């Protein structure tokens, strides 16, 4: 939703046998507003991965999205419970 519209999304998974760690990266091309998020530094991740955050505007003024803004927050919670992290780079 926040990446380049119609752009590719790449998923990379690496298992580190020595440590038992699984690293998964979901990578998309930057979308509108990405430069502003990066300029915010670590605060961008705090905002994006907060409960109820919706950074996107509805694509049509007469339509409202059914999004509650919880998707990134849920990803953050899952990663944290599993001992991982999420961030915007």
PDB file of N, CA and C in Angstrom:
ATOM      1  N   UNK A   1       0.814  -1.192   0.000  1.00  0.00           N
ATOM      2  CA  UNK A   1       0.000   0.000   0.000  1.00  0.00           C
ATOM      3  C   UNK A   1       0.862   1.262   0.000  1.00  0.00           C
ATOM      4  N   UNK A   2       2.018   1.203   0.648  1.00  0.00           N
ATOM      5  CA  UNK A   2       2.850   2.401   0.764  1.00  0.00           C
ATOM      6  C   UNK A   2       3.997   2.430  -0.225  1.00  0.00           C
ATOM      7  N   UNK A   3       4.213   1.329  -0.930  1.00  0.00           N
ATOM      8  CA  UNK A   3       5.285   1.287  -1.912  1.00  0.00           C
ATOM      9  C   UNK A   3       4.833   1.849  -3.247  1.00  0.00           C
ATOM     10  N   UNK A   4       5.715   1.757  -4.222  1.00  0.00           N
ATOM     11  CA  UNK A   4       5.394   2.231  -5.563  1.00  0.00           C
ATOM     12  C   UNK A   4       4.199   1.457  -6.102  1.00  0.00           C
ATOM     13  N   UNK A   5       3.180   2.171  -6.555  1.00  0.00           N
ATOM     14  CA  UNK A   5       1.976   1.528  -7.065  1.00  0.00           C
ATOM     15  C   UNK A   5       2.336   0.632  -8.250  1.00  0.00           C
ATOM     16  N   UNK A   6       1.951  -0.638  -8.148  1.00  0.00           N
ATOM     17  CA  UNK A   6       2.236  -1.593  -9.208  1.00  0.00           C
ATOM     18  C   UNK A   6       3.675  -2.085  -9.223  1.00  0.00           C
ATOM     19  N   UNK A   7       4.488  -1.596  -8.297  1.00  0.00           N
ATOM     20  CA  UNK A   7       5.897  -1.991  -8.251  1.00  0.00           C
ATOM     21  C   UNK A   7       6.080  -3.382  -7.658  1.00  0.00           C
ATOM     22  N   UNK A   8       7.223  -3.981  -7.930  1.00  0.00           N
ATOM     23  CA  UNK A   8       7.477  -5.328  -7.408  1.00  0.00           C
ATOM     24  C   UNK A   8       7.718  -5.308  -5.895  1.00  0.00           C
ATOM     25  N   UNK A   9       7.374  -6.403  -5.257  1.00  0.00           N
ATOM     26  CA  UNK A   9       7.664  -6.604  -3.836  1.00  0.00           C
ATOM     27  C   UNK A   9       8.517  -7.861  -3.748  1.00  0.00           C
ATOM     28  N   UNK A  10       9.654  -7.736  -3.110  1.00  0.00           N
ATOM     29  CA  UNK A  10      10.594  -8.857  -3.007  1.00  0.00           C
ATOM     30  C   UNK A  10      10.634  -9.340  -1.555  1.00  0.00           C
ATOM     31  N   UNK A  11      10.587 -10.641  -1.364  1.00  0.00           N
ATOM     32  CA  UNK A  11      10.717 -11.227  -0.034  1.00  0.00           C
ATOM     33  C   UNK A  11      11.982 -12.066  -0.011  1.00  0.00           C
ATOM     34  N   UNK A  12      12.842 -11.787   0.946  1.00  0.00           N
ATOM     35  CA  UNK A  12      14.089 -12.538   1.112  1.00  0.00           C
ATOM     36  C   UNK A  12      14.072 -13.207   2.480  1.00  0.00           C
ATOM     37  N   UNK A  13      14.418 -14.480   2.529  1.00  0.00           N
ATOM     38  CA  UNK A  13      14.502 -15.192   3.804  1.00  0.00           C
ATOM     39  C   UNK A  13      15.869 -15.851   3.902  1.00  0.00           C
ATOM     40  N   UNK A  14      16.518 -15.663   5.037  1.00  0.00           N
ATOM     41  CA  UNK A  14      17.831 -16.254   5.286  1.00  0.00           C
ATOM     42  C   UNK A  14      17.805 -16.929   6.646  1.00  0.00           C
ATOM     43  N   UNK A  15      18.206 -18.190   6.673  1.00  0.00           N
ATOM     44  CA  UNK A  15      18.302 -18.907   7.943  1.00  0.00           C
ATOM     45  C   UNK A  15      19.769 -19.018   8.316  1.00  0.00           C
ATOM     46  N   UNK A  16      20.088 -18.594   9.526  1.00  0.00           N
ATOM     47  CA  UNK A  16      21.453 -18.657  10.031  1.00  0.00           C
ATOM     48  C   UNK A  16      21.565 -19.877  10.943  1.00  0.00           C
ATOM     49  N   UNK A  17      22.096 -20.950  10.403  1.00  0.00           N
ATOM     50  CA  UNK A  17      22.175 -22.224  11.098  1.00  0.00           C
ATOM     51  C   UNK A  17      22.919 -22.109  12.429  1.00  0.00           C
ATOM     52  N   UNK A  18      23.997 -21.337  12.454  1.00  0.00           N
ATOM     53  CA  UNK A  18      24.826 -21.219  13.654  1.00  0.00           C
ATOM     54  C   UNK A  18      24.053 -20.657  14.846  1.00  0.00           C
ATOM     55  N   UNK A  19      23.170 -19.711  14.585  1.00  0.00           N
ATOM     56  CA  UNK A  19      22.439 -19.049  15.664  1.00  0.00           C
ATOM     57  C   UNK A  19      20.983 -19.486  15.771  1.00  0.00           C
ATOM     58  N   UNK A  20      20.483 -20.128  14.726  1.00  0.00           N
ATOM     59  CA  UNK A  20      19.077 -20.510  14.702  1.00  0.00           C
ATOM     60  C   UNK A  20      18.150 -19.364  14.351  1.00  0.00           C
ATOM     61  N   UNK A  21      18.713 -18.265  13.880  1.00  0.00           N
ATOM     62  CA  UNK A  21      17.918 -17.081  13.529  1.00  0.00           C
ATOM     63  C   UNK A  21      17.405 -17.173  12.102  1.00  0.00           C
ATOM     64  N   UNK A  22      16.200 -16.717  11.912  1.00  0.00           N
ATOM     65  CA  UNK A  22      15.617 -16.567  10.592  1.00  0.00           C
ATOM     66  C   UNK A  22      15.438 -15.071  10.352  1.00  0.00           C
ATOM     67  N   UNK A  23      15.997 -14.595   9.269  1.00  0.00           N
ATOM     68  CA  UNK A  23      15.838 -13.187   8.899  1.00  0.00           C
ATOM     69  C   UNK A  23      14.956 -13.130   7.663  1.00  0.00           C
ATOM     70  N   UNK A  24      13.904 -12.331   7.725  1.00  0.00           N
ATOM     71  CA  UNK A  24      13.030 -12.165   6.578  1.00  0.00           C
ATOM     72  C   UNK A  24      12.915 -10.683   6.266  1.00  0.00           C
ATOM     73  N   UNK A  25      13.134 -10.356   5.021  1.00  0.00           N
ATOM     74  CA  UNK A  25      13.019  -8.975   4.567  1.00  0.00           C
ATOM     75  C   UNK A  25      11.927  -8.905   3.507  1.00  0.00           C
ATOM     76  N   UNK A  26      11.024  -7.940   3.657  1.00  0.00           N
ATOM     77  CA  UNK A  26      10.018  -7.659   2.640  1.00  0.00           C
ATOM     78  C   UNK A  26      10.365  -6.288   2.094  1.00  0.00           C
ATOM     79  N   UNK A  27      10.707  -6.250   0.826  1.00  0.00           N
ATOM     80  CA  UNK A  27      11.272  -5.039   0.228  1.00  0.00           C
ATOM     81  C   UNK A  27      10.403  -4.598  -0.953  1.00  0.00           C
ATOM     82  N   UNK A  28       9.974  -3.350  -0.904  1.00  0.00           N
ATOM     83  CA  UNK A  28       9.256  -2.787  -2.045  1.00  0.00           C
ATOM     84  C   UNK A  28       9.936  -1.490  -2.468  1.00  0.00           C
ATOM     85  N   UNK A  29       9.585  -1.030  -3.639  1.00  0.00           N
ATOM     86  CA  UNK A  29      10.140   0.232  -4.120  1.00  0.00           C
ATOM     87  C   UNK A  29       9.472   1.384  -3.372  1.00  0.00           C
ATOM     88  N   UNK A  30      10.216   2.451  -3.105  1.00  0.00           N
ATOM     89  CA  UNK A  30       9.646   3.582  -2.364  1.00  0.00           C
ATOM     90  C   UNK A  30       8.431   4.179  -3.068  1.00  0.00           C
ATOM     91  N   UNK A  31       7.434   4.512  -2.280  1.00  0.00           N
ATOM     92  CA  UNK A  31       6.233   5.145  -2.798  1.00  0.00           C
ATOM     93  C   UNK A  31       6.203   6.619  -2.432  1.00  0.00           C
ATOM     94  N   UNK A  32       5.082   7.270  -2.676  1.00  0.00           N
ATOM     95  CA  UNK A  32       4.945   8.690  -2.342  1.00  0.00           C
ATOM     96  C   UNK A  32       5.189   8.923  -0.858  1.00  0.00           C
ATOM     97  N   UNK A  33       5.932   9.934  -0.521  1.00  0.00           N
ATOM     98  CA  UNK A  33       6.195  10.289   0.867  1.00  0.00           C
ATOM     99  C   UNK A  33       7.371   9.563   1.492  1.00  0.00           C
ATOM    100  N   UNK A  34       8.022   8.670   0.737  1.00  0.00           N
ATOM    101  CA  UNK A  34       9.131   7.891   1.301  1.00  0.00           C
ATOM    102  C   UNK A  34      10.288   8.791   1.743  1.00  0.00           C
ATOM    103  N   UNK A  35      10.618   9.781   0.952  1.00  0.00           N
ATOM    104  CA  UNK A  35      11.733  10.676   1.293  1.00  0.00           C
ATOM    105  C   UNK A  35      11.463  11.392   2.624  1.00  0.00           C
ATOM    106  N   UNK A  36      10.220  11.783   2.847  1.00  0.00           N
ATOM    107  CA  UNK A  36       9.873  12.442   4.103  1.00  0.00           C
ATOM    108  C   UNK A  36      10.006  11.481   5.282  1.00  0.00           C
ATOM    109  N   UNK A  37       9.604  10.210   5.090  1.00  0.00           N
ATOM    110  CA  UNK A  37       9.753   9.218   6.158  1.00  0.00           C
ATOM    111  C   UNK A  37      11.220   9.000   6.504  1.00  0.00           C
ATOM    112  N   UNK A  38      12.055   8.856   5.497  1.00  0.00           N
ATOM    113  CA  UNK A  38      13.488   8.634   5.719  1.00  0.00           C
ATOM    114  C   UNK A  38      14.101   9.835   6.439  1.00  0.00           C
ATOM    115  N   UNK A  39      13.672  11.025   6.066  1.00  0.00           N
ATOM    116  CA  UNK A  39      14.205  12.245   6.700  1.00  0.00           C
ATOM    117  C   UNK A  39      13.866  12.298   8.188  1.00  0.00           C
ATOM    118  N   UNK A  40      12.838  11.595   8.600  1.00  0.00           N
ATOM    119  CA  UNK A  40      12.437  11.582  10.008  1.00  0.00           C
ATOM    120  C   UNK A  40      13.344  10.692  10.863  1.00  0.00           C
ATOM    121  N   UNK A  41      14.131   9.852  10.224  1.00  0.00           N
ATOM    122  CA  UNK A  41      15.011   8.962  10.971  1.00  0.00           C
ATOM    123  C   UNK A  41      14.223   7.906  11.727  1.00  0.00           C
ATOM    124  N   UNK A  42      14.697   7.500  12.915  1.00  0.00           N
ATOM    125  CA  UNK A  42      14.032   6.448  13.690  1.00  0.00           C
ATOM    126  C   UNK A  42      12.584   6.768  14.073  1.00  0.00           C
ATOM    127  N   UNK A  43      12.259   8.035  14.134  1.00  0.00           N
ATOM    128  CA  UNK A  43      10.886   8.438  14.481  1.00  0.00           C
ATOM    129  C   UNK A  43       9.884   7.901  13.455  1.00  0.00           C
ATOM    130  N   UNK A  44      10.303   7.741  12.204  1.00  0.00           N
ATOM    131  CA  UNK A  44       9.404   7.221  11.173  1.00  0.00           C
ATOM    132  C   UNK A  44       8.914   5.828  11.537  1.00  0.00           C
ATOM    133  N   UNK A  45       9.815   4.963  11.967  1.00  0.00           N
ATOM    134  CA  UNK A  45       9.408   3.610  12.359  1.00  0.00           C
ATOM    135  C   UNK A  45       8.483   3.654  13.563  1.00  0.00           C
ATOM    136  N   UNK A  46       8.772   4.528  14.518  1.00  0.00           N
ATOM    137  CA  UNK A  46       7.898   4.654  15.691  1.00  0.00           C
ATOM    138  C   UNK A  46       6.479   5.008  15.266  1.00  0.00           C
ATOM    139  N   UNK A  47       6.344   5.933  14.341  1.00  0.00           N
ATOM    140  CA  UNK A  47       5.020   6.363  13.888  1.00  0.00           C
ATOM    141  C   UNK A  47       4.324   5.299  13.055  1.00  0.00           C
ATOM    142  N   UNK A  48       5.012   4.779  12.051  1.00  0.00           N
ATOM    143  CA  UNK A  48       4.402   3.821  11.129  1.00  0.00           C
ATOM    144  C   UNK A  48       3.955   2.557  11.852  1.00  0.00           C
ATOM    145  N   UNK A  49       4.745   2.089  12.811  1.00  0.00           N
ATOM    146  CA  UNK A  49       4.433   0.841  13.487  1.00  0.00           C
ATOM    147  C   UNK A  49       3.642   1.041  14.787  1.00  0.00           C
ATOM    148  N   UNK A  50       3.022   2.206  14.937  1.00  0.00           N
ATOM    149  CA  UNK A  50       2.170   2.486  16.097  1.00  0.00           C
ATOM    150  C   UNK A  50       0.738   2.036  15.814  1.00  0.00           C
ATOM    151  N   UNK A  51       0.025   1.703  16.869  1.00  0.00           N
ATOM    152  CA  UNK A  51      -1.362   1.254  16.767  1.00  0.00           C
ATOM    153  C   UNK A  51      -2.248   2.352  16.179  1.00  0.00           C
ATOM    154  N   UNK A  52      -3.047   1.993  15.175  1.00  0.00           N
ATOM    155  CA  UNK A  52      -4.027   2.916  14.605  1.00  0.00           C
ATOM    156  C   UNK A  52      -3.483   3.963  13.660  1.00  0.00           C
ATOM    157  N   UNK A  53      -2.260   3.799  13.180  1.00  0.00           N
ATOM    158  CA  UNK A  53      -1.660   4.797  12.295  1.00  0.00           C
ATOM    159  C   UNK A  53      -2.070   4.551  10.845  1.00  0.00           C
ATOM    160  N   UNK A  54      -2.605   5.567  10.201  1.00  0.00           N
ATOM    161  CA  UNK A  54      -2.932   5.501   8.772  1.00  0.00           C
ATOM    162  C   UNK A  54      -2.229   6.667   8.099  1.00  0.00           C
ATOM    163  N   UNK A  55      -1.213   6.371   7.301  1.00  0.00           N
ATOM    164  CA  UNK A  55      -0.468   7.435   6.630  1.00  0.00           C
ATOM    165  C   UNK A  55      -0.955   7.709   5.223  1.00  0.00           C
ATOM    166  N   UNK A  56      -1.715   6.792   4.670  1.00  0.00           N
ATOM    167  CA  UNK A  56      -2.172   6.958   3.292  1.00  0.00           C
ATOM    168  C   UNK A  56      -3.479   7.725   3.253  1.00  0.00           C
ATOM    169  N   UNK A  57      -3.680   8.430   2.159  1.00  0.00           N
ATOM    170  CA  UNK A  57      -4.951   9.105   1.938  1.00  0.00           C
ATOM    171  C   UNK A  57      -5.780   8.199   1.046  1.00  0.00           C
ATOM    172  N   UNK A  58      -7.092   8.250   1.210  1.00  0.00           N
ATOM    173  CA  UNK A  58      -7.951   7.455   0.342  1.00  0.00           C
ATOM    174  C   UNK A  58      -7.762   7.934  -1.085  1.00  0.00           C
ATOM    175  N   UNK A  59      -7.747   6.969  -2.019  1.00  0.00           N
ATOM    176  CA  UNK A  59      -7.429   7.301  -3.402  1.00  0.00           C
ATOM    177  C   UNK A  59      -8.504   8.149  -4.074  1.00  0.00           C
ATOM    178  N   UNK A  60      -9.738   8.037  -3.620  1.00  0.00           N
ATOM    179  CA  UNK A  60     -10.825   8.845  -4.177  1.00  0.00           C
ATOM    180  C   UNK A  60     -11.509   9.573  -3.030  1.00  0.00           C
ATOM    181  N   UNK A  61     -11.781  10.830  -3.242  1.00  0.00           N
ATOM    182  CA  UNK A  61     -12.327  11.638  -2.154  1.00  0.00           C
ATOM    183  C   UNK A  61     -13.678  11.131  -1.652  1.00  0.00           C
ATOM    184  N   UNK A  62     -14.459  10.440  -2.488  1.00  0.00           N
ATOM    185  CA  UNK A  62     -15.769   9.937  -2.074  1.00  0.00           C
ATOM    186  C   UNK A  62     -15.704   8.561  -1.426  1.00  0.00           C
ATOM    187  N   UNK A  63     -14.523   7.952  -1.405  1.00  0.00           N
ATOM    188  CA  UNK A  63     -14.387   6.618  -0.833  1.00  0.00           C
ATOM    189  C   UNK A  63     -13.520   6.662   0.409  1.00  0.00           C
ATOM    190  N   UNK A  64     -13.885   5.869   1.390  1.00  0.00           N
ATOM    191  CA  UNK A  64     -13.068   5.732   2.582  1.00  0.00           C
ATOM    192  C   UNK A  64     -12.516   4.321   2.611  1.00  0.00           C
ATOM    193  N   UNK A  65     -11.301   4.198   3.025  1.00  0.00           N
ATOM    194  CA  UNK A  65     -10.688   2.886   3.161  1.00  0.00           C
ATOM    195  C   UNK A  65     -11.243   2.204   4.406  1.00  0.00           C
ATOM    196  N   UNK A  66     -11.315   0.892   4.370  1.00  0.00           N
ATOM    197  CA  UNK A  66     -11.752   0.142   5.543  1.00  0.00           C
ATOM    198  C   UNK A  66     -10.575  -0.124   6.487  1.00  0.00           C
ATOM    199  N   UNK A  67      -9.427   0.373   6.153  1.00  0.00           N
ATOM    200  CA  UNK A  67      -8.237   0.160   6.978  1.00  0.00           C
ATOM    201  C   UNK A  67      -8.375   0.827   8.334  1.00  0.00           C
ATOM    202  N   UNK A  68      -8.026   0.073   9.369  1.00  0.00           N
ATOM    203  CA  UNK A  68      -8.010   0.633  10.721  1.00  0.00           C
ATOM    204  C   UNK A  68      -6.625   1.164  11.071  1.00  0.00           C
ATOM    205  N   UNK A  69      -5.665   0.939  10.194  1.00  0.00           N
ATOM    206  CA  UNK A  69      -4.307   1.401  10.449  1.00  0.00           C
ATOM    207  C   UNK A  69      -3.530   0.488  11.375  1.00  0.00           C
ATOM    208  N   UNK A  70      -3.928  -0.781  11.447  1.00  0.00           N
ATOM    209  CA  UNK A  70      -3.286  -1.693  12.384  1.00  0.00           C
ATOM    210  C   UNK A  70      -2.312  -2.678  11.743  1.00  0.00           C
ATOM    211  N   UNK A  71      -2.229  -2.733  10.432  1.00  0.00           N
ATOM    212  CA  UNK A  71      -1.399  -3.736   9.758  1.00  0.00           C
ATOM    213  C   UNK A  71       0.065  -3.686  10.159  1.00  0.00           C
ATOM    214  N   UNK A  72       0.662  -2.513  10.116  1.00  0.00           N
ATOM    215  CA  UNK A  72       2.082  -2.379  10.468  1.00  0.00           C
ATOM    216  C   UNK A  72       2.290  -2.626  11.962  1.00  0.00           C
ATOM    217  N   UNK A  73       1.314  -2.209  12.775  1.00  0.00           N
ATOM    218  CA  UNK A  73       1.392  -2.447  14.218  1.00  0.00           C
ATOM    219  C   UNK A  73       1.372  -3.939  14.518  1.00  0.00           C
ATOM    220  N   UNK A  74       0.508  -4.683  13.810  1.00  0.00           N
ATOM    221  CA  UNK A  74       0.433  -6.142  13.998  1.00  0.00           C
ATOM    222  C   UNK A  74       1.757  -6.784  13.591  1.00  0.00           C
ATOM    223  N   UNK A  75       2.329  -6.355  12.476  1.00  0.00           N
ATOM    224  CA  UNK A  75       3.639  -6.893  12.064  1.00  0.00           C
ATOM    225  C   UNK A  75       4.682  -6.632  13.141  1.00  0.00           C
ATOM    226  N   UNK A  76       4.679  -5.422  13.681  1.00  0.00           N
ATOM    227  CA  UNK A  76       5.630  -5.050  14.735  1.00  0.00           C
ATOM    228  C   UNK A  76       5.452  -5.932  15.962  1.00  0.00           C
ATOM    229  N   UNK A  77       4.203  -6.144  16.391  1.00  0.00           N
ATOM    230  CA  UNK A  77       3.938  -6.974  17.563  1.00  0.00           C
ATOM    231  C   UNK A  77       4.406  -8.408  17.333  1.00  0.00           C
ATOM    232  N   UNK A  78       4.118  -8.961  16.166  1.00  0.00           N
ATOM    233  CA  UNK A  78       4.538 -10.332  15.862  1.00  0.00           C
ATOM    234  C   UNK A  78       6.058 -10.447  15.869  1.00  0.00           C
ATOM    235  N   UNK A  79       6.728  -9.510  15.234  1.00  0.00           N
ATOM    236  CA  UNK A  79       8.195  -9.539  15.189  1.00  0.00           C
ATOM    237  C   UNK A  79       8.782  -9.433  16.594  1.00  0.00           C
ATOM    238  N   UNK A  80       8.224  -8.546  17.412  1.00  0.00           N
ATOM    239  CA  UNK A  80       8.727  -8.345  18.769  1.00  0.00           C
ATOM    240  C   UNK A  80       8.546  -9.612  19.618  1.00  0.00           C
ATOM    241  N   UNK A  81       7.377 -10.228  19.519  1.00  0.00           N
ATOM    242  CA  UNK A  81       7.103 -11.456  20.284  1.00  0.00           C
ATOM    243  C   UNK A  81       8.090 -12.554  19.898  1.00  0.00           C
ATOM    244  N   UNK A  82       8.480 -12.582  18.640  1.00  0.00           N
ATOM    245  CA  UNK A  82       9.419 -13.602  18.159  1.00  0.00           C
ATOM    246  C   UNK A  82      10.877 -13.195  18.355  1.00  0.00           C
ATOM    247  N   UNK A  83      11.099 -12.054  19.016  1.00  0.00           N
ATOM    248  CA  UNK A  83      12.464 -11.594  19.286  1.00  0.00           C
ATOM    249  C   UNK A  83      13.097 -10.824  18.142  1.00  0.00           C
ATOM    250  N   UNK A  84      12.270 -10.386  17.203  1.00  0.00           N
ATOM    251  CA  UNK A  84      12.788  -9.658  16.044  1.00  0.00           C
ATOM    252  C   UNK A  84      12.450  -8.182  16.096  1.00  0.00           C
ATOM    253  N   UNK A  85      12.545  -7.542  14.945  1.00  0.00           N
ATOM    254  CA  UNK A  85      12.262  -6.115  14.858  1.00  0.00           C
ATOM    255  C   UNK A  85      11.781  -5.770  13.457  1.00  0.00           C
ATOM    256  N   UNK A  86      11.226  -4.603  13.330  1.00  0.00           N
ATOM    257  CA  UNK A  86      10.831  -4.056  12.035  1.00  0.00           C
ATOM    258  C   UNK A  86      11.353  -2.629  11.956  1.00  0.00           C
ATOM    259  N   UNK A  87      11.699  -2.178  10.781  1.00  0.00           N
ATOM    260  CA  UNK A  87      12.142  -0.812  10.605  1.00  0.00           C
ATOM    261  C   UNK A  87      12.004  -0.361   9.155  1.00  0.00           C
ATOM    262  N   UNK A  88      12.047   0.922   8.989  1.00  0.00           N
ATOM    263  CA  UNK A  88      11.987   1.533   7.654  1.00  0.00           C
ATOM    264  C   UNK A  88      13.408   1.978   7.321  1.00  0.00           C
ATOM    265  N   UNK A  89      13.900   1.508   6.180  1.00  0.00           N
ATOM    266  CA  UNK A  89      15.249   1.907   5.752  1.00  0.00           C
ATOM    267  C   UNK A  89      15.231   2.374   4.326  1.00  0.00           C
TER     268      UNK A  89
END
